[in-house]
Amino acid sequence: MAEDQKPTIAGGIGETEFNSWKHHPVTKAYFQYLMDQRADIKAAAVEAWEGGKLNLALADEMRGCANTYKRNAEPDFAELVKFYAEIDTMKKQEAHPDEQTD
């Protein structure tokens, strides 16, 4: 990537557009929904624990869901740029397996 070229993610979306979307009222409402879902899962985990019904498999499932809700409610532009850069690198390596990259 050229020094003067700013990073983008899928579809050529730059950080300015990403932040505009991230701070839009509809997006914020959706993020709140995700965090409310996370809170419900955490409350259900406590209820299951108090009722003696929280086994390791259920706890792992609930923790995974709660962490996924949180991660999706807190998107990070730099993380997305890194993800798509890795995808591009893999595609290039698949297309040209004999070429070595540094």
N, C-alpha and C. Protein backbone atom coordinates (compact mmCIF):
# COMPACT_ATOMS: atom_id res chain seq x y z
N MET A 1 0.86 -1.18 0.00
CA MET A 1 0.00 0.00 0.00
C MET A 1 0.90 1.24 0.00
N ALA A 2 0.60 2.17 -0.88
CA ALA A 2 1.39 3.40 -0.96
C ALA A 2 1.21 4.21 0.32
N GLU A 3 2.25 5.00 0.66
CA GLU A 3 2.19 5.77 1.91
C GLU A 3 1.01 6.73 1.97
N ASP A 4 0.68 7.34 0.82
CA ASP A 4 -0.40 8.32 0.82
C ASP A 4 -1.77 7.66 0.68
N GLN A 5 -1.81 6.34 0.47
CA GLN A 5 -3.08 5.63 0.34
C GLN A 5 -3.56 5.18 1.71
N LYS A 6 -4.80 5.55 2.04
CA LYS A 6 -5.35 5.19 3.34
C LYS A 6 -5.96 3.79 3.26
N PRO A 7 -5.91 3.04 4.38
CA PRO A 7 -6.45 1.69 4.37
C PRO A 7 -7.97 1.69 4.19
N THR A 8 -8.45 0.64 3.54
CA THR A 8 -9.89 0.46 3.36
C THR A 8 -10.23 -0.98 3.71
N ILE A 9 -11.52 -1.23 3.86
CA ILE A 9 -12.00 -2.59 4.07
C ILE A 9 -12.87 -2.96 2.88
N ALA A 10 -13.57 -4.07 2.95
CA ALA A 10 -14.36 -4.58 1.84
C ALA A 10 -15.21 -3.48 1.20
N GLY A 11 -15.21 -3.46 -0.11
CA GLY A 11 -16.00 -2.46 -0.83
C GLY A 11 -15.34 -1.10 -0.88
N GLY A 12 -14.09 -1.01 -0.44
CA GLY A 12 -13.39 0.27 -0.48
C GLY A 12 -13.82 1.25 0.59
N ILE A 13 -14.42 0.75 1.64
CA ILE A 13 -14.89 1.62 2.74
C ILE A 13 -13.69 2.08 3.56
N GLY A 14 -13.56 3.38 3.72
CA GLY A 14 -12.47 3.94 4.51
C GLY A 14 -12.90 4.19 5.94
N GLU A 15 -11.95 4.66 6.73
CA GLU A 15 -12.21 4.88 8.16
C GLU A 15 -13.28 5.94 8.40
N THR A 16 -13.30 6.98 7.56
CA THR A 16 -14.31 8.04 7.73
C THR A 16 -15.72 7.48 7.53
N GLU A 17 -15.90 6.69 6.47
CA GLU A 17 -17.22 6.08 6.22
C GLU A 17 -17.58 5.09 7.32
N PHE A 18 -16.59 4.31 7.73
CA PHE A 18 -16.82 3.34 8.80
C PHE A 18 -17.29 4.04 10.07
N ASN A 19 -16.59 5.11 10.46
CA ASN A 19 -16.97 5.84 11.68
C ASN A 19 -18.33 6.51 11.54
N SER A 20 -18.65 6.97 10.35
CA SER A 20 -19.97 7.56 10.11
C SER A 20 -21.06 6.51 10.36
N TRP A 21 -20.83 5.30 9.85
CA TRP A 21 -21.78 4.21 10.06
C TRP A 21 -21.84 3.83 11.54
N LYS A 22 -20.66 3.72 12.15
CA LYS A 22 -20.58 3.26 13.55
C LYS A 22 -21.31 4.20 14.50
N HIS A 23 -21.30 5.50 14.19
CA HIS A 23 -21.92 6.48 15.08
C HIS A 23 -23.32 6.90 14.65
N HIS A 24 -23.85 6.25 13.62
CA HIS A 24 -25.22 6.55 13.17
C HIS A 24 -26.20 6.07 14.25
N PRO A 25 -27.28 6.80 14.47
CA PRO A 25 -28.24 6.41 15.53
C PRO A 25 -28.82 5.00 15.36
N VAL A 26 -29.06 4.57 14.13
CA VAL A 26 -29.60 3.22 13.92
C VAL A 26 -28.55 2.17 14.30
N THR A 27 -27.31 2.42 13.92
CA THR A 27 -26.24 1.50 14.28
C THR A 27 -26.07 1.46 15.80
N LYS A 28 -26.11 2.61 16.43
CA LYS A 28 -25.98 2.65 17.89
C LYS A 28 -27.11 1.88 18.57
N ALA A 29 -28.31 1.98 18.01
CA ALA A 29 -29.45 1.23 18.56
C ALA A 29 -29.21 -0.27 18.42
N TYR A 30 -28.66 -0.68 17.29
CA TYR A 30 -28.36 -2.09 17.09
C TYR A 30 -27.27 -2.57 18.05
N PHE A 31 -26.25 -1.76 18.26
CA PHE A 31 -25.21 -2.11 19.22
C PHE A 31 -25.80 -2.26 20.62
N GLN A 32 -26.74 -1.40 20.97
CA GLN A 32 -27.39 -1.49 22.28
C GLN A 32 -28.18 -2.79 22.38
N TYR A 33 -28.86 -3.17 21.30
CA TYR A 33 -29.58 -4.45 21.27
C TYR A 33 -28.62 -5.61 21.54
N LEU A 34 -27.45 -5.59 20.89
CA LEU A 34 -26.47 -6.66 21.11
C LEU A 34 -26.02 -6.71 22.56
N MET A 35 -25.77 -5.55 23.15
CA MET A 35 -25.34 -5.52 24.55
C MET A 35 -26.47 -5.94 25.49
N ASP A 36 -27.71 -5.63 25.14
CA ASP A 36 -28.85 -6.09 25.93
C ASP A 36 -28.98 -7.62 25.86
N GLN A 37 -28.74 -8.19 24.67
CA GLN A 37 -28.76 -9.65 24.52
C GLN A 37 -27.67 -10.26 25.39
N ARG A 38 -26.50 -9.62 25.40
CA ARG A 38 -25.38 -10.09 26.22
C ARG A 38 -25.77 -10.07 27.70
N ALA A 39 -26.40 -9.00 28.12
CA ALA A 39 -26.83 -8.89 29.52
C ALA A 39 -27.84 -9.99 29.87
N ASP A 40 -28.73 -10.30 28.95
CA ASP A 40 -29.71 -11.38 29.18
C ASP A 40 -29.02 -12.72 29.35
N ILE A 41 -28.00 -12.99 28.53
CA ILE A 41 -27.27 -14.25 28.63
C ILE A 41 -26.55 -14.33 29.97
N LYS A 42 -25.94 -13.22 30.37
CA LYS A 42 -25.24 -13.21 31.66
C LYS A 42 -26.22 -13.44 32.81
N ALA A 43 -27.39 -12.83 32.73
CA ALA A 43 -28.39 -13.03 33.79
C ALA A 43 -28.88 -14.48 33.80
N ALA A 44 -29.04 -15.06 32.61
CA ALA A 44 -29.47 -16.46 32.53
C ALA A 44 -28.39 -17.39 33.10
N ALA A 45 -27.12 -17.03 32.90
CA ALA A 45 -26.03 -17.85 33.45
C ALA A 45 -26.06 -17.83 34.97
N VAL A 46 -26.27 -16.66 35.54
CA VAL A 46 -26.35 -16.55 37.00
C VAL A 46 -27.54 -17.35 37.51
N GLU A 47 -28.66 -17.24 36.83
CA GLU A 47 -29.87 -17.98 37.22
C GLU A 47 -29.62 -19.49 37.17
N ALA A 48 -28.97 -19.95 36.10
CA ALA A 48 -28.65 -21.37 35.96
C ALA A 48 -27.69 -21.82 37.06
N TRP A 49 -26.70 -20.97 37.36
CA TRP A 49 -25.74 -21.29 38.41
C TRP A 49 -26.44 -21.39 39.76
N GLU A 50 -27.30 -20.41 40.06
CA GLU A 50 -28.02 -20.42 41.33
C GLU A 50 -28.94 -21.62 41.44
N GLY A 51 -29.48 -22.05 40.31
CA GLY A 51 -30.38 -23.21 40.30
C GLY A 51 -29.66 -24.54 40.19
N GLY A 52 -28.33 -24.51 40.17
CA GLY A 52 -27.56 -25.74 40.08
C GLY A 52 -27.61 -26.39 38.71
N LYS A 53 -27.95 -25.63 37.68
CA LYS A 53 -28.09 -26.19 36.33
C LYS A 53 -26.99 -25.75 35.37
N LEU A 54 -26.01 -25.04 35.88
CA LEU A 54 -24.94 -24.52 35.02
C LEU A 54 -23.78 -25.52 35.00
N ASN A 55 -23.73 -26.31 33.93
CA ASN A 55 -22.61 -27.23 33.78
C ASN A 55 -21.55 -26.57 32.88
N LEU A 56 -20.42 -27.24 32.73
CA LEU A 56 -19.31 -26.66 31.99
C LEU A 56 -19.67 -26.38 30.53
N ALA A 57 -20.36 -27.30 29.89
CA ALA A 57 -20.73 -27.10 28.48
C ALA A 57 -21.65 -25.90 28.31
N LEU A 58 -22.63 -25.75 29.19
CA LEU A 58 -23.55 -24.62 29.12
C LEU A 58 -22.81 -23.31 29.41
N ALA A 59 -21.93 -23.34 30.40
CA ALA A 59 -21.16 -22.13 30.73
C ALA A 59 -20.29 -21.70 29.56
N ASP A 60 -19.63 -22.66 28.90
CA ASP A 60 -18.81 -22.34 27.74
C ASP A 60 -19.64 -21.76 26.60
N GLU A 61 -20.80 -22.34 26.37
CA GLU A 61 -21.69 -21.84 25.31
C GLU A 61 -22.16 -20.41 25.63
N MET A 62 -22.57 -20.18 26.85
CA MET A 62 -23.06 -18.86 27.24
C MET A 62 -21.94 -17.82 27.18
N ARG A 63 -20.73 -18.20 27.61
CA ARG A 63 -19.60 -17.29 27.56
C ARG A 63 -19.26 -16.94 26.11
N GLY A 64 -19.30 -17.95 25.24
CA GLY A 64 -19.03 -17.71 23.82
C GLY A 64 -20.04 -16.77 23.21
N CYS A 65 -21.31 -16.97 23.52
CA CYS A 65 -22.36 -16.07 23.00
C CYS A 65 -22.18 -14.65 23.54
N ALA A 66 -21.95 -14.53 24.83
CA ALA A 66 -21.78 -13.21 25.43
C ALA A 66 -20.59 -12.47 24.83
N ASN A 67 -19.49 -13.19 24.64
CA ASN A 67 -18.30 -12.57 24.05
C ASN A 67 -18.54 -12.16 22.59
N THR A 68 -19.29 -12.97 21.86
CA THR A 68 -19.61 -12.65 20.47
C THR A 68 -20.48 -11.40 20.38
N TYR A 69 -21.49 -11.31 21.24
CA TYR A 69 -22.33 -10.10 21.25
C TYR A 69 -21.48 -8.87 21.52
N LYS A 70 -20.59 -8.96 22.51
CA LYS A 70 -19.76 -7.81 22.86
C LYS A 70 -18.84 -7.43 21.70
N ARG A 71 -18.20 -8.41 21.11
CA ARG A 71 -17.27 -8.13 20.01
C ARG A 71 -18.00 -7.49 18.83
N ASN A 72 -19.19 -7.98 18.52
CA ASN A 72 -19.96 -7.42 17.40
C ASN A 72 -20.49 -6.03 17.71
N ALA A 73 -20.66 -5.71 18.98
CA ALA A 73 -21.17 -4.40 19.37
C ALA A 73 -20.05 -3.36 19.48
N GLU A 74 -18.80 -3.81 19.36
CA GLU A 74 -17.66 -2.90 19.47
C GLU A 74 -16.70 -3.10 18.29
N PRO A 75 -17.18 -2.85 17.06
CA PRO A 75 -16.31 -3.08 15.90
C PRO A 75 -15.14 -2.10 15.87
N ASP A 76 -14.01 -2.58 15.36
CA ASP A 76 -12.79 -1.78 15.31
C ASP A 76 -12.29 -1.75 13.87
N PHE A 77 -12.13 -0.55 13.31
CA PHE A 77 -11.72 -0.41 11.92
C PHE A 77 -10.37 -1.06 11.67
N ALA A 78 -9.40 -0.84 12.55
CA ALA A 78 -8.06 -1.40 12.37
C ALA A 78 -8.10 -2.93 12.34
N GLU A 79 -8.96 -3.52 13.15
CA GLU A 79 -9.10 -4.98 13.18
C GLU A 79 -9.65 -5.48 11.83
N LEU A 80 -10.62 -4.75 11.29
CA LEU A 80 -11.17 -5.13 9.99
C LEU A 80 -10.14 -4.99 8.88
N VAL A 81 -9.36 -3.91 8.92
CA VAL A 81 -8.31 -3.72 7.91
C VAL A 81 -7.32 -4.88 7.97
N LYS A 82 -6.92 -5.26 9.17
CA LYS A 82 -5.98 -6.37 9.34
C LYS A 82 -6.58 -7.67 8.81
N PHE A 83 -7.84 -7.92 9.11
CA PHE A 83 -8.52 -9.12 8.66
C PHE A 83 -8.50 -9.20 7.13
N TYR A 84 -8.90 -8.11 6.46
CA TYR A 84 -8.97 -8.13 5.00
C TYR A 84 -7.58 -8.17 4.37
N ALA A 85 -6.58 -7.61 5.02
CA ALA A 85 -5.20 -7.71 4.52
C ALA A 85 -4.74 -9.16 4.56
N GLU A 86 -5.08 -9.86 5.62
CA GLU A 86 -4.71 -11.28 5.74
C GLU A 86 -5.43 -12.11 4.68
N ILE A 87 -6.69 -11.81 4.43
CA ILE A 87 -7.44 -12.51 3.38
C ILE A 87 -6.79 -12.28 2.03
N ASP A 88 -6.44 -11.03 1.73
CA ASP A 88 -5.78 -10.70 0.46
C ASP A 88 -4.46 -11.44 0.32
N THR A 89 -3.69 -11.51 1.39
CA THR A 89 -2.41 -12.22 1.37
C THR A 89 -2.62 -13.71 1.08
N MET A 90 -3.61 -14.31 1.73
CA MET A 90 -3.90 -15.72 1.50
C MET A 90 -4.33 -15.97 0.06
N LYS A 91 -5.16 -15.10 -0.49
CA LYS A 91 -5.61 -15.25 -1.87
C LYS A 91 -4.43 -15.15 -2.83
N LYS A 92 -3.52 -14.22 -2.57
CA LYS A 92 -2.34 -14.08 -3.43
C LYS A 92 -1.45 -15.31 -3.34
N GLN A 93 -1.31 -15.84 -2.15
CA GLN A 93 -0.49 -17.04 -1.97
C GLN A 93 -1.11 -18.24 -2.67
N GLU A 94 -2.44 -18.34 -2.63
CA GLU A 94 -3.13 -19.44 -3.31
C GLU A 94 -3.00 -19.31 -4.82
N ALA A 95 -3.06 -18.08 -5.31
CA ALA A 95 -2.97 -17.84 -6.76
C ALA A 95 -1.55 -18.07 -7.28
N HIS A 96 -0.57 -17.81 -6.43
CA HIS A 96 0.85 -17.93 -6.82
C HIS A 96 1.61 -18.68 -5.73
N PRO A 97 1.36 -19.99 -5.60
CA PRO A 97 1.98 -20.74 -4.49
C PRO A 97 3.50 -20.83 -4.57
N ASP A 98 4.09 -20.64 -5.74
CA ASP A 98 5.54 -20.75 -5.87
C ASP A 98 6.27 -19.47 -5.50
N GLU A 99 5.54 -18.36 -5.39
CA GLU A 99 6.16 -17.09 -5.03
C GLU A 99 6.21 -16.96 -3.52
N GLN A 100 7.34 -16.52 -3.02
CA GLN A 100 7.51 -16.36 -1.57
C GLN A 100 7.29 -14.90 -1.20
N THR A 101 6.52 -14.66 -0.11
CA THR A 101 6.29 -13.29 0.37
C THR A 101 7.03 -13.10 1.68
N ASP A 102 7.41 -11.86 1.94
CA ASP A 102 8.11 -11.54 3.19
C ASP A 102 7.16 -11.05 4.23
